[in-house]
C-alpha atoms as a PDB file:
ATOM      1  CA  MET A   1     155.337  36.032  71.822  1.00  0.00           C
ATOM      2  CA  LYS A   2     155.895  35.128  75.451  1.00  0.00           C
ATOM      3  CA  ALA A   3     157.233  38.601  75.947  1.00  0.00           C
ATOM      4  CA  ILE A   4     154.011  40.034  74.309  1.00  0.00           C
ATOM      5  CA  GLY A   5     151.940  38.236  76.678  1.00  0.00           C
ATOM      6  CA  SER A   6     153.692  38.923  79.684  1.00  0.00           C
ATOM      7  CA  PHE A   7     153.905  42.733  78.670  1.00  0.00           C
ATOM      8  CA  ILE A   8     150.197  42.395  78.486  1.00  0.00           C
ATOM      9  CA  LYS A   9     149.538  41.008  81.737  1.00  0.00           C
ATOM     10  CA  GLY A  10     151.975  43.773  83.074  1.00  0.00           C
ATOM     11  CA  LEU A  11     149.671  46.299  81.581  1.00  0.00           C
ATOM     12  CA  PHE A  12     146.476  44.413  82.872  1.00  0.00           C
ATOM     13  CA  PHE A  13     147.750  44.006  86.376  1.00  0.00           C
ATOM     14  CA  LEU A  14     148.901  47.599  86.596  1.00  0.00           C
ATOM     15  CA  ALA A  15     145.321  48.781  85.273  1.00  0.00           C
ATOM     16  CA  ILE A  16     144.257  46.874  87.921  1.00  0.00           C
ATOM     17  CA  VAL A  17     146.429  48.469  90.410  1.00  0.00           C
ATOM     18  CA  ALA A  18     145.433  52.105  89.347  1.00  0.00           C
ATOM     19  CA  ALA A  19     141.981  51.309  89.212  1.00  0.00           C
ATOM     20  CA  LEU A  20     142.160  49.874  93.070  1.00  0.00           C
ATOM     21  CA  VAL A  21     144.176  52.899  93.980  1.00  0.00           C
ATOM     22  CA  GLY A  22     141.699  55.474  92.241  1.00  0.00           C
ATOM     23  CA  GLY A  23     138.979  53.602  93.546  1.00  0.00           C
ATOM     24  CA  PHE A  24     140.405  53.648  97.102  1.00  0.00           C
ATOM     25  CA  TYR A  25     141.222  57.409  96.607  1.00  0.00           C
ATOM     26  CA  VAL A  26     137.911  58.239  95.366  1.00  0.00           C
ATOM     27  CA  TYR A  27     136.298  56.167  98.226  1.00  0.00           C
ATOM     28  CA  THR A  28     138.395  58.170 100.975  1.00  0.00           C
ATOM     29  CA  GLN A  29     137.551  61.244  99.551  1.00  0.00           C
ATOM     30  CA  TYR A  30     133.828  60.494  99.306  1.00  0.00           C
ATOM     31  CA  THR A  31     134.020  59.311 103.122  1.00  0.00           C
ATOM     32  CA  GLY A  32     135.598  62.249 104.238  1.00  0.00           C
ATOM     33  CA  TYR A  33     133.185  64.365 102.075  1.00  0.00           C
ATOM     34  CA  LEU A  34     130.303  63.075 104.181  1.00  0.00           C
ATOM     35  CA  LYS A  35     132.013  63.620 107.196  1.00  0.00           C
ATOM     36  CA  GLN A  36     133.109  67.417 106.405  1.00  0.00           C
ATOM     37  CA  PRO A  37     130.667  70.089 107.927  1.00  0.00           C
ATOM     38  CA  ILE A  38     129.160  72.477 105.412  1.00  0.00           C
ATOM     39  CA  GLN A  39     130.695  75.882 104.840  1.00  0.00           C
ATOM     40  CA  LEU A  40     128.615  78.878 105.588  1.00  0.00           C
ATOM     41  CA  ASN A  41     129.441  82.317 105.941  1.00  0.00           C
ATOM     42  CA  ALA A  42     127.034  82.682 108.842  1.00  0.00           C
ATOM     43  CA  GLU A  43     125.580  80.612 111.755  1.00  0.00           C
ATOM     44  CA  THR A  44     122.472  80.140 109.281  1.00  0.00           C
ATOM     45  CA  ILE A  45     121.643  80.593 105.631  1.00  0.00           C
ATOM     46  CA  SER A  46     118.221  80.031 103.894  1.00  0.00           C
ATOM     47  CA  TYR A  47     118.414  77.874 100.497  1.00  0.00           C
ATOM     48  CA  GLU A  48     115.429  77.527  98.364  1.00  0.00           C
ATOM     49  CA  VAL A  49     114.404  74.461  96.459  1.00  0.00           C
ATOM     50  CA  LYS A  50     112.699  75.531  93.624  1.00  0.00           C
ATOM     51  CA  ARG A  51     109.911  74.071  92.211  1.00  0.00           C
ATOM     52  CA  GLY A  52     110.946  71.150  89.412  1.00  0.00           C
ATOM     53  CA  SER A  53     114.231  71.148  90.472  1.00  0.00           C
ATOM     54  CA  SER A  54     116.848  67.999  89.930  1.00  0.00           C
ATOM     55  CA  ILE A  55     119.186  66.954  92.287  1.00  0.00           C
ATOM     56  CA  ARG A  56     122.269  68.005  89.959  1.00  0.00           C
ATOM     57  CA  ARG A  57     120.697  71.382  89.814  1.00  0.00           C
ATOM     58  CA  VAL A  58     120.442  71.567  93.608  1.00  0.00           C
ATOM     59  CA  ALA A  59     124.257  69.849  94.017  1.00  0.00           C
ATOM     60  CA  LYS A  60     125.696  72.637  91.604  1.00  0.00           C
ATOM     61  CA  GLU A  61     123.657  75.542  93.283  1.00  0.00           C
ATOM     62  CA  LEU A  62     125.307  74.496  96.853  1.00  0.00           C
ATOM     63  CA  GLU A  63     128.543  73.908  94.924  1.00  0.00           C
ATOM     64  CA  ALA A  64     128.493  77.747  93.714  1.00  0.00           C
ATOM     65  CA  GLN A  65     127.455  79.079  96.730  1.00  0.00           C
ATOM     66  CA  GLY A  66     130.375  77.377  98.482  1.00  0.00           C
ATOM     67  CA  VAL A  67     128.568  75.314 100.639  1.00  0.00           C
ATOM     68  CA  MET A  68     129.742  72.060  99.996  1.00  0.00           C
ATOM     69  CA  LYS A  69     131.746  70.171  96.978  1.00  0.00           C
ATOM     70  CA  PRO A  70     132.343  68.563  94.689  1.00  0.00           C
ATOM     71  CA  ALA A  71     128.484  68.554  93.351  1.00  0.00           C
ATOM     72  CA  LEU A  72     129.219  65.078  91.839  1.00  0.00           C
ATOM     73  CA  TYR A  73     129.446  63.697  95.383  1.00  0.00           C
ATOM     74  CA  PHE A  74     126.441  65.048  96.681  1.00  0.00           C
ATOM     75  CA  VAL A  75     124.490  63.459  93.593  1.00  0.00           C
ATOM     76  CA  ALA A  76     126.064  60.124  94.501  1.00  0.00           C
ATOM     77  CA  LEU A  77     125.020  60.433  98.056  1.00  0.00           C
ATOM     78  CA  ALA A  78     121.136  60.874  96.589  1.00  0.00           C
ATOM     79  CA  LYS A  79     121.425  57.922  94.239  1.00  0.00           C
ATOM     80  CA  LEU A  80     123.021  56.025  96.872  1.00  0.00           C
ATOM     81  CA  ASN A  81     120.229  56.814  99.546  1.00  0.00           C
ATOM     82  CA  LYS A  82     117.442  56.382  96.955  1.00  0.00           C
ATOM     83  CA  GLN A  83     116.660  60.283  97.183  1.00  0.00           C
ATOM     84  CA  THR A  84     117.232  61.901  93.870  1.00  0.00           C
ATOM     85  CA  SER A  85     113.472  62.074  93.365  1.00  0.00           C
ATOM     86  CA  LYS A  86     112.236  62.971  96.919  1.00  0.00           C
ATOM     87  CA  LEU A  87     113.433  66.544  96.534  1.00  0.00           C
ATOM     88  CA  LYS A  88     110.769  68.804  98.354  1.00  0.00           C
ATOM     89  CA  ALA A  89     110.241  72.545  97.025  1.00  0.00           C
ATOM     90  CA  GLY A  90     110.630  75.229  99.579  1.00  0.00           C
ATOM     91  CA  GLU A  91     112.906  77.331 101.535  1.00  0.00           C
ATOM     92  CA  TYR A  92     115.062  75.278 103.746  1.00  0.00           C
ATOM     93  CA  GLN A  93     117.235  76.803 106.905  1.00  0.00           C
ATOM     94  CA  LEU A  94     121.202  75.179 106.888  1.00  0.00           C
ATOM     95  CA  THR A  95     122.695  75.509 110.105  1.00  0.00           C
ATOM     96  CA  ALA A  96     126.620  75.528 110.717  1.00  0.00           C
ATOM     97  CA  GLY A  97     127.757  72.001 111.756  1.00  0.00           C
ATOM     98  CA  MET A  98     125.326  70.420 109.278  1.00  0.00           C
ATOM     99  CA  LYS A  99     126.757  67.529 107.161  1.00  0.00           C
ATOM    100  CA  PRO A 100     125.909  66.476 103.414  1.00  0.00           C
ATOM    101  CA  THR A 101     123.567  63.633 104.594  1.00  0.00           C
ATOM    102  CA  ASP A 102     121.945  66.268 107.170  1.00  0.00           C
ATOM    103  CA  VAL A 103     121.186  68.705 103.977  1.00  0.00           C
ATOM    104  CA  LEU A 104     119.827  66.129 102.035  1.00  0.00           C
ATOM    105  CA  ASN A 105     117.525  64.705 104.668  1.00  0.00           C
ATOM    106  CA  LEU A 106     116.423  68.134 104.908  1.00  0.00           C
ATOM    107  CA  ILE A 107     115.491  68.959 101.735  1.00  0.00           C
ATOM    108  CA  THR A 108     113.917  65.599 101.154  1.00  0.00           C
ATOM    109  CA  SER A 109     111.753  65.812 104.373  1.00  0.00           C
ATOM    110  CA  GLY A 110     109.356  68.597 103.152  1.00  0.00           C
ATOM    111  CA  LYS A 111     110.125  70.600 106.430  1.00  0.00           C
ATOM    112  CA  ALA A 112     110.495  73.709 104.881  1.00  0.00           C
ATOM    113  CA  VAL A 113     110.751  77.298 106.651  1.00  0.00           C
ATOM    114  CA  GLN A 114     107.313  78.254 107.324  1.00  0.00           C
ATOM    115  CA  TYR A 115     105.655  82.013 107.137  1.00  0.00           C
ATOM    116  CA  LYS A 116     102.493  82.952 108.951  1.00  0.00           C
ATOM    117  CA  HIS A 117      99.479  85.432 108.167  1.00  0.00           C
ATOM    118  CA  THR A 118      96.618  85.672 110.745  1.00  0.00           C
ATOM    119  CA  ILE A 119      92.939  86.111 109.768  1.00  0.00           C
ATOM    120  CA  ILE A 120      91.362  87.590 112.753  1.00  0.00           C
ATOM    121  CA  GLU A 121      87.525  86.973 114.164  1.00  0.00           C
ATOM    122  CA  GLY A 122      85.317  90.191 113.869  1.00  0.00           C
ATOM    123  CA  LYS A 123      87.015  91.579 110.842  1.00  0.00           C
ATOM    124  CA  SER A 124      85.323  92.342 107.610  1.00  0.00           C
ATOM    125  CA  TYR A 125      86.295  91.095 104.510  1.00  0.00           C
ATOM    126  CA  LYS A 126      87.559  94.664 103.546  1.00  0.00           C
ATOM    127  CA  GLN A 127      89.721  94.576 106.535  1.00  0.00           C
ATOM    128  CA  LEU A 128      90.974  91.141 105.276  1.00  0.00           C
ATOM    129  CA  VAL A 129      91.736  92.261 101.898  1.00  0.00           C
ATOM    130  CA  ALA A 130      93.704  95.362 103.360  1.00  0.00           C
ATOM    131  CA  SER A 131      95.744  92.765 105.555  1.00  0.00           C
ATOM    132  CA  ILE A 132      96.453  90.460 102.969  1.00  0.00           C
ATOM    133  CA  LYS A 133      97.555  93.379 100.640  1.00  0.00           C
ATOM    134  CA  ALA A 134      99.865  94.449 103.118  1.00  0.00           C
ATOM    135  CA  SER A 135     101.633  91.005 104.064  1.00  0.00           C
ATOM    136  CA  GLU A 136     105.525  90.722 103.272  1.00  0.00           C
ATOM    137  CA  VAL A 137     104.949  87.080 102.991  1.00  0.00           C
ATOM    138  CA  LEU A 138     102.264  86.514 100.685  1.00  0.00           C
ATOM    139  CA  GLN A 139     103.355  86.530  96.902  1.00  0.00           C
ATOM    140  CA  HIS A 140     100.618  89.207  95.481  1.00  0.00           C
ATOM    141  CA  THR A 141      98.927  88.108  92.280  1.00  0.00           C
ATOM    142  CA  LEU A 142      95.350  89.379  92.980  1.00  0.00           C
ATOM    143  CA  SER A 143      93.997  92.726  91.498  1.00  0.00           C
ATOM    144  CA  ASP A 144      91.261  94.730  93.169  1.00  0.00           C
ATOM    145  CA  GLU A 145      89.039  93.414  90.266  1.00  0.00           C
ATOM    146  CA  ASP A 146      89.896  89.612  91.408  1.00  0.00           C
ATOM    147  CA  PHE A 147      89.155  90.591  95.176  1.00  0.00           C
ATOM    148  CA  ALA A 148      86.012  91.980  94.350  1.00  0.00           C
ATOM    149  CA  ASN A 149      85.101  88.597  92.502  1.00  0.00           C
ATOM    150  CA  ILE A 150      86.914  86.331  95.028  1.00  0.00           C
ATOM    151  CA  MET A 151      84.428  83.632  95.352  1.00  0.00           C
ATOM    152  CA  GLN A 152      84.217  83.211  91.374  1.00  0.00           C
ATOM    153  CA  LYS A 153      88.099  83.493  91.379  1.00  0.00           C
ATOM    154  CA  ILE A 154      88.554  80.273  93.799  1.00  0.00           C
ATOM    155  CA  GLY A 155      85.667  78.304  92.234  1.00  0.00           C
ATOM    156  CA  SER A 156      83.557  78.818  95.311  1.00  0.00           C
ATOM    157  CA  ASP A 157      79.657  78.380  95.185  1.00  0.00           C
ATOM    158  CA  PHE A 158      79.543  81.190  97.857  1.00  0.00           C
ATOM    159  CA  VAL A 159      78.089  84.327  96.078  1.00  0.00           C
ATOM    160  CA  HIS A 160      79.232  87.019  98.674  1.00  0.00           C
ATOM    161  CA  PRO A 161      82.866  86.817 100.485  1.00  0.00           C
ATOM    162  CA  GLU A 162      81.849  88.034 103.789  1.00  0.00           C
ATOM    163  CA  GLY A 163      82.487  85.619 106.501  1.00  0.00           C
ATOM    164  CA  ALA A 164      83.706  82.919 103.618  1.00  0.00           C
ATOM    165  CA  PHE A 165      87.168  82.904 105.433  1.00  0.00           C
ATOM    166  CA  TYR A 166      87.980  80.879 108.708  1.00  0.00           C
ATOM    167  CA  ALA A 167      89.771  82.785 111.479  1.00  0.00           C
ATOM    168  CA  ASP A 168      92.975  81.479 112.180  1.00  0.00           C
ATOM    169  CA  THR A 169      96.602  81.614 111.893  1.00  0.00           C
ATOM    170  CA  TYR A 170      98.008  79.926 108.724  1.00  0.00           C
ATOM    171  CA  ASN A 171     101.640  78.624 108.536  1.00  0.00           C
ATOM    172  CA  PHE A 172     103.021  78.333 104.803  1.00  0.00           C
ATOM    173  CA  PRO A 173     105.973  78.029 102.719  1.00  0.00           C
ATOM    174  CA  LYS A 174     107.557  80.955 100.792  1.00  0.00           C
ATOM    175  CA  ASN A 175     106.253  81.813  97.526  1.00  0.00           C
ATOM    176  CA  THR A 176     102.645  81.128  98.859  1.00  0.00           C
ATOM    177  CA  THR A 177     100.437  83.140  96.909  1.00  0.00           C
ATOM    178  CA  ASP A 178      97.405  85.574  97.840  1.00  0.00           C
ATOM    179  CA  LEU A 179      95.155  83.269  96.149  1.00  0.00           C
ATOM    180  CA  ASP A 180      96.356  79.988  97.330  1.00  0.00           C
ATOM    181  CA  PHE A 181      96.016  81.586 100.966  1.00  0.00           C
ATOM    182  CA  LEU A 182      92.514  82.592 100.493  1.00  0.00           C
ATOM    183  CA  LYS A 183      91.513  79.108  98.696  1.00  0.00           C
ATOM    184  CA  ARG A 184      93.247  77.549 101.539  1.00  0.00           C
ATOM    185  CA  SER A 185      91.173  79.425 104.264  1.00  0.00           C
ATOM    186  CA  HIS A 186      88.055  79.098 102.372  1.00  0.00           C
ATOM    187  CA  LYS A 187      88.284  75.451 102.321  1.00  0.00           C
ATOM    188  CA  MET A 188      88.608  75.313 106.084  1.00  0.00           C
ATOM    189  CA  MET A 189      85.918  77.552 106.626  1.00  0.00           C
ATOM    190  CA  ARG A 190      83.231  75.039 104.640  1.00  0.00           C
ATOM    191  CA  GLU A 191      85.081  72.248 106.477  1.00  0.00           C
ATOM    192  CA  LYS A 192      84.545  73.824 110.144  1.00  0.00           C
ATOM    193  CA  LEU A 193      81.242  74.957 109.224  1.00  0.00           C
ATOM    194  CA  GLN A 194      79.916  71.632 108.107  1.00  0.00           C
ATOM    195  CA  GLU A 195      81.630  70.077 111.108  1.00  0.00           C
ATOM    196  CA  ALA A 196      79.953  72.375 113.471  1.00  0.00           C
ATOM    197  CA  TRP A 197      76.270  72.064 111.910  1.00  0.00           C
ATOM    198  CA  GLU A 198      76.476  68.353 111.741  1.00  0.00           C
ATOM    199  CA  GLY A 199      76.997  68.333 115.365  1.00  0.00           C
ATOM    200  CA  ARG A 200      74.789  70.885 116.016  1.00  0.00           C
ATOM    201  CA  SER A 201      71.827  71.095 118.642  1.00  0.00           C
ATOM    202  CA  PRO A 202      68.880  71.772 115.832  1.00  0.00           C
ATOM    203  CA  GLU A 203      67.263  74.825 116.064  1.00  0.00           C
ATOM    204  CA  ALA A 204      63.869  75.592 113.705  1.00  0.00           C
ATOM    205  CA  SER A 205      64.668  78.962 113.048  1.00  0.00           C
ATOM    206  CA  ILE A 206      68.123  78.188 111.300  1.00  0.00           C
ATOM    207  CA  LYS A 207      67.788  76.158 108.335  1.00  0.00           C
ATOM    208  CA  THR A 208      71.398  76.083 106.734  1.00  0.00           C
ATOM    209  CA  PRO A 209      74.710  76.403 107.805  1.00  0.00           C
ATOM    210  CA  TYR A 210      75.114  79.449 105.626  1.00  0.00           C
ATOM    211  CA  GLU A 211      72.415  81.037 108.055  1.00  0.00           C
ATOM    212  CA  ALA A 212      74.154  79.689 111.181  1.00  0.00           C
ATOM    213  CA  LEU A 213      77.247  81.586 109.453  1.00  0.00           C
ATOM    214  CA  ILE A 214      75.292  84.719 109.188  1.00  0.00           C
ATOM    215  CA  LEU A 215      73.970  84.425 112.656  1.00  0.00           C
ATOM    216  CA  ALA A 216      77.473  83.526 114.156  1.00  0.00           C
ATOM    217  CA  SER A 217      79.048  86.599 112.597  1.00  0.00           C
ATOM    218  CA  ILE A 218      76.403  88.766 114.179  1.00  0.00           C
ATOM    219  CA  VAL A 219      77.267  87.244 117.629  1.00  0.00           C
ATOM    220  CA  GLU A 220      80.772  87.727 116.782  1.00  0.00           C
ATOM    221  CA  LYS A 221      80.486  91.280 116.776  1.00  0.00           C
ATOM    222  CA  GLU A 222      78.265  91.876 119.306  1.00  0.00           C
ATOM    223  CA  THR A 223      80.547  91.047 122.327  1.00  0.00           C
ATOM    224  CA  GLY A 224      83.832  89.957 122.643  1.00  0.00           C
ATOM    225  CA  ASP A 225      83.196  88.152 125.957  1.00  0.00           C
ATOM    226  CA  GLU A 226      83.234  84.295 124.736  1.00  0.00           C
ATOM    227  CA  SER A 227      81.552  83.048 127.845  1.00  0.00           C
ATOM    228  CA  GLU A 228      78.218  85.482 126.777  1.00  0.00           C
ATOM    229  CA  ARG A 229      78.164  84.162 123.317  1.00  0.00           C
ATOM    230  CA  PRO A 230      75.850  81.160 123.668  1.00  0.00           C
ATOM    231  CA  MET A 231      73.108  83.333 125.484  1.00  0.00           C
ATOM    232  CA  ILE A 232      73.511  86.054 122.776  1.00  0.00           C
ATOM    233  CA  ALA A 233      72.850  83.213 120.040  1.00  0.00           C
ATOM    234  CA  ARG A 234      70.114  82.208 122.299  1.00  0.00           C
ATOM    235  CA  VAL A 235      68.340  85.649 122.373  1.00  0.00           C
ATOM    236  CA  PHE A 236      68.720  85.981 118.542  1.00  0.00           C
ATOM    237  CA  ILE A 237      67.090  82.729 118.025  1.00  0.00           C
ATOM    238  CA  ASN A 238      64.326  82.982 120.507  1.00  0.00           C
ATOM    239  CA  ARG A 239      63.511  86.176 118.776  1.00  0.00           C
ATOM    240  CA  LEU A 240      63.901  84.556 115.180  1.00  0.00           C
ATOM    241  CA  ASP A 241      61.190  81.919 116.400  1.00  0.00           C
ATOM    242  CA  LYS A 242      58.751  84.595 117.471  1.00  0.00           C
ATOM    243  CA  ASN A 243      59.176  86.635 114.142  1.00  0.00           C
ATOM    244  CA  MET A 244      60.923  89.607 116.041  1.00  0.00           C
ATOM    245  CA  LEU A 245      63.098  92.205 114.822  1.00  0.00           C
ATOM    246  CA  LEU A 246      66.706  91.496 115.737  1.00  0.00           C
ATOM    247  CA  GLN A 247      67.487  95.221 116.403  1.00  0.00           C
ATOM    248  CA  THR A 248      71.311  94.299 116.731  1.00  0.00           C
ATOM    249  CA  ASP A 249      73.706  97.644 115.903  1.00  0.00           C
ATOM    250  CA  PRO A 250      76.277  95.652 114.130  1.00  0.00           C
ATOM    251  CA  THR A 251      74.434  94.942 111.320  1.00  0.00           C
ATOM    252  CA  VAL A 252      73.361  98.610 111.119  1.00  0.00           C
ATOM    253  CA  ILE A 253      76.967  99.667 111.136  1.00  0.00           C
ATOM    254  CA  TYR A 254      77.678  97.344 108.439  1.00  0.00           C
ATOM    255  CA  GLY A 255      74.843  98.435 106.083  1.00  0.00           C
ATOM    256  CA  MET A 256      76.400 101.982 106.477  1.00  0.00           C
ATOM    257  CA  GLY A 257      79.457 101.115 105.081  1.00  0.00           C
ATOM    258  CA  ASP A 258      81.888 103.935 104.889  1.00  0.00           C
ATOM    259  CA  ALA A 259      79.540 106.179 106.251  1.00  0.00           C
ATOM    260  CA  TYR A 260      79.642 104.891 109.358  1.00  0.00           C
ATOM    261  CA  ASP A 261      81.828 107.527 111.444  1.00  0.00           C
ATOM    262  CA  GLY A 262      81.627 105.684 115.110  1.00  0.00           C
ATOM    263  CA  ASN A 263      78.557 106.745 116.109  1.00  0.00           C
ATOM    264  CA  ILE A 264      75.164 105.460 115.241  1.00  0.00           C
ATOM    265  CA  ARG A 265      72.158 108.233 115.598  1.00  0.00           C
ATOM    266  CA  LYS A 266      68.474 107.422 115.488  1.00  0.00           C
ATOM    267  CA  ARG A 267      68.187 108.369 111.789  1.00  0.00           C
ATOM    268  CA  ASP A 268      70.482 105.611 110.945  1.00  0.00           C
ATOM    269  CA  LEU A 269      68.493 102.764 112.772  1.00  0.00           C
ATOM    270  CA  THR A 270      65.465 103.855 110.834  1.00  0.00           C
ATOM    271  CA  ARG A 271      67.227 104.462 107.353  1.00  0.00           C
ATOM    272  CA  ASP A 272      66.268 101.229 105.547  1.00  0.00           C
ATOM    273  CA  THR A 273      69.400  98.772 104.049  1.00  0.00           C
ATOM    274  CA  PRO A 274      69.226  95.216 103.348  1.00  0.00           C
ATOM    275  CA  TYR A 275      71.340  94.737 106.720  1.00  0.00           C
ATOM    276  CA  ASN A 276      69.434  97.134 108.719  1.00  0.00           C
ATOM    277  CA  THR A 277      67.775  94.426 111.413  1.00  0.00           C
ATOM    278  CA  TYR A 278      65.463  97.468 113.035  1.00  0.00           C
ATOM    279  CA  THR A 279      63.484  97.787 109.929  1.00  0.00           C
ATOM    280  CA  ARG A 280      64.013  94.230 107.973  1.00  0.00           C
ATOM    281  CA  ALA A 281      62.953  91.293 109.832  1.00  0.00           C
ATOM    282  CA  GLY A 282      65.059  87.811 109.790  1.00  0.00           C
ATOM    283  CA  LEU A 283      68.663  87.417 109.296  1.00  0.00           C
ATOM    284  CA  THR A 284      71.073  90.031 107.323  1.00  0.00           C
ATOM    285  CA  PRO A 285      71.486  88.522 103.669  1.00  0.00           C
ATOM    286  CA  THR A 286      75.178  87.563 104.483  1.00  0.00           C
ATOM    287  CA  PRO A 287      77.636  87.491 107.020  1.00  0.00           C
ATOM    288  CA  ILE A 288      78.781  90.887 108.487  1.00  0.00           C
ATOM    289  CA  ALA A 289      82.252  89.712 109.543  1.00  0.00           C
ATOM    290  CA  THR A 290      84.750  86.809 110.186  1.00  0.00           C
ATOM    291  CA  PRO A 291      83.091  84.473 112.787  1.00  0.00           C
ATOM    292  CA  GLY A 292      85.611  82.678 115.008  1.00  0.00           C
ATOM    293  CA  ARG A 293      85.459  79.262 116.659  1.00  0.00           C
ATOM    294  CA  ALA A 294      83.621  80.477 119.595  1.00  0.00           C
ATOM    295  CA  ALA A 295      80.739  82.258 117.806  1.00  0.00           C
ATOM    296  CA  LEU A 296      80.082  79.176 115.603  1.00  0.00           C
ATOM    297  CA  HIS A 297      80.176  76.840 118.138  1.00  0.00           C
ATOM    298  CA  ALA A 298      77.565  79.282 120.265  1.00  0.00           C
ATOM    299  CA  VAL A 299      75.279  79.474 117.404  1.00  0.00           C
ATOM    300  CA  MET A 300      75.334  75.424 116.938  1.00  0.00           C
ATOM    301  CA  HIS A 301      75.069  74.990 120.505  1.00  0.00           C
ATOM    302  CA  PRO A 302      72.936  78.004 122.015  1.00  0.00           C
ATOM    303  CA  ALA A 303      72.473  78.273 126.190  1.00  0.00           C
ATOM    304  CA  GLU A 304      68.994  77.596 126.933  1.00  0.00           C
ATOM    305  CA  GLY A 305      66.405  80.324 128.004  1.00  0.00           C
ATOM    306  CA  LYS A 306      63.563  82.251 127.203  1.00  0.00           C
ATOM    307  CA  ALA A 307      65.417  85.680 127.190  1.00  0.00           C
ATOM    308  CA  LEU A 308      64.555  88.082 124.090  1.00  0.00           C
ATOM    309  CA  TYR A 309      66.604  90.922 125.058  1.00  0.00           C
ATOM    310  CA  PHE A 310      70.099  91.930 126.153  1.00  0.00           C
ATOM    311  CA  VAL A 311      72.029  95.017 127.086  1.00  0.00           C
ATOM    312  CA  ALA A 312      75.345  95.906 128.676  1.00  0.00           C
ATOM    313  CA  ARG A 313      75.798  96.146 132.237  1.00  0.00           C
ATOM    314  CA  GLY A 314      77.484  99.327 131.696  1.00  0.00           C
ATOM    315  CA  ASP A 315      79.708  98.836 134.908  1.00  0.00           C
ATOM    316  CA  GLY A 316      82.832  98.173 133.072  1.00  0.00           C
ATOM    317  CA  SER A 317      82.518  94.312 133.599  1.00  0.00           C
ATOM    318  CA  GLY A 318      81.826  93.755 129.796  1.00  0.00           C
ATOM    319  CA  LYS A 319      78.635  91.476 130.961  1.00  0.00           C
ATOM    320  CA  SER A 320      75.319  91.872 129.806  1.00  0.00           C
ATOM    321  CA  TYR A 321      71.841  91.468 131.746  1.00  0.00           C
ATOM    322  CA  PHE A 322      69.408  89.175 129.608  1.00  0.00           C
ATOM    323  CA  THR A 323      65.736  89.441 130.154  1.00  0.00           C
ATOM    324  CA  ASN A 324      62.550  87.818 129.133  1.00  0.00           C
ATOM    325  CA  SER A 325      60.309  90.651 128.829  1.00  0.00           C
ATOM    326  CA  ASN A 326      60.086  94.197 127.133  1.00  0.00           C
ATOM    327  CA  ALA A 327      59.226  95.543 130.855  1.00  0.00           C
ATOM    328  CA  GLU A 328      62.361  93.829 132.193  1.00  0.00           C
ATOM    329  CA  HIS A 329      64.649  95.134 129.396  1.00  0.00           C
ATOM    330  CA  ASN A 330      63.653  98.731 130.283  1.00  0.00           C
ATOM    331  CA  LYS A 331      64.732  98.518 133.696  1.00  0.00           C
ATOM    332  CA  ALA A 332      68.076  96.769 132.768  1.00  0.00           C
ATOM    333  CA  VAL A 333      68.730  99.815 130.092  1.00  0.00           C
ATOM    334  CA  ALA A 334      67.962 102.312 132.916  1.00  0.00           C
ATOM    335  CA  LYS A 335      70.573 100.211 135.410  1.00  0.00           C
ATOM    336  CA  TYR A 336      73.033 100.236 132.231  1.00  0.00           C
ATOM    337  CA  LEU A 337      72.565 104.371 132.093  1.00  0.00           C
ATOM    338  CA  ARG A 338      72.776 104.769 136.105  1.00  0.00           C
ATOM    339  CA  ASN A 339      76.089 102.379 135.931  1.00  0.00           C
ATOM    340  CA  GLN A 340      77.495 104.548 133.056  1.00  0.00           C
ATOM    341  CA  ARG A 341      76.620 107.818 134.950  1.00  0.00           C
ATOM    342  CA  ASN A 342      78.325 106.386 138.133  1.00  0.00           C
ATOM    343  CA  LEU A 343      81.284 105.274 136.161  1.00  0.00           C
ATOM    344  CA  ARG A 344      81.734 108.732 134.891  1.00  0.00           C
ATOM    345  CA  SER A 345      81.678 110.313 138.151  1.00  0.00           C
ATOM    346  CA  ASN A 346      84.007 108.196 139.535  1.00  0.00           C
ATOM    347  CA  LYS A 347      86.528 109.242 136.718  1.00  0.00           C
ATOM    348  CA  GLN A 348      86.287 112.823 137.506  1.00  0.00           C
END
């Protein structure tokens, strides 16, 4: 019996030794794994953590790509660091020299590769749709019918899409859809418009944020000179206060639609459309373009003054003459025509 007892004790001792040796071996392998840079076939590669991925799935994918192995060690690292449930979906840039801990910290940080798309101020919704359709970084999910009914599609109470999206450059992760992009841009427009409205200098003729948005789009299309926009806004507000026609060409052009060929003729100014401010009083039914930040600010904080007219100087400066009466305006128009003739003669 003593022999059997000694044998069992010996086996137990050997088991302990084997466990210690095995544990030490695993420990040294694991610590070596943590110090070993990941294996890439280029200086950088992209790796996508798909939505709903588990740490085991990620570890197996990285192992299959030869980036780092064994997968078991990466899972163990995540468990020890309590990061197994902190994965963030997205595309990540892995670079040479990174270690497993660096990779884990990156894919749980949410610092995914970002793509860009810009909504340009002064462009129409039709032009915005064309730019989205041409984008190589947005995921295309919307049909032509969806674009035509986009406000309903994104759940907005806006009826018309013109001017409903904020002009800015947007950063977003891979697989962002065109619908998500437009939802985000519209939300941004609503927020910026409301913020500007709450901080405005009140004007009796501009009664709602949407009316301010309409006027901002007109101001946007009237000039590319940011410094003149507050004064142009003042002219339009003064005309609205006096129930004068706005008589602004960009609204006529918008109302002409595809019929506009780059020229406005007298018959175009007299042909009535809902957007012709030579034939209809007040603001247009909707914005005529995407207003930028400066145009919105100009409408909310117009310059002081009694000007009712403006016309380009025509001298190449890009500036305008602002006048208070029709007689003064006619003189400014005459100056514009003279300056135009002088510029043409100087080019000859």
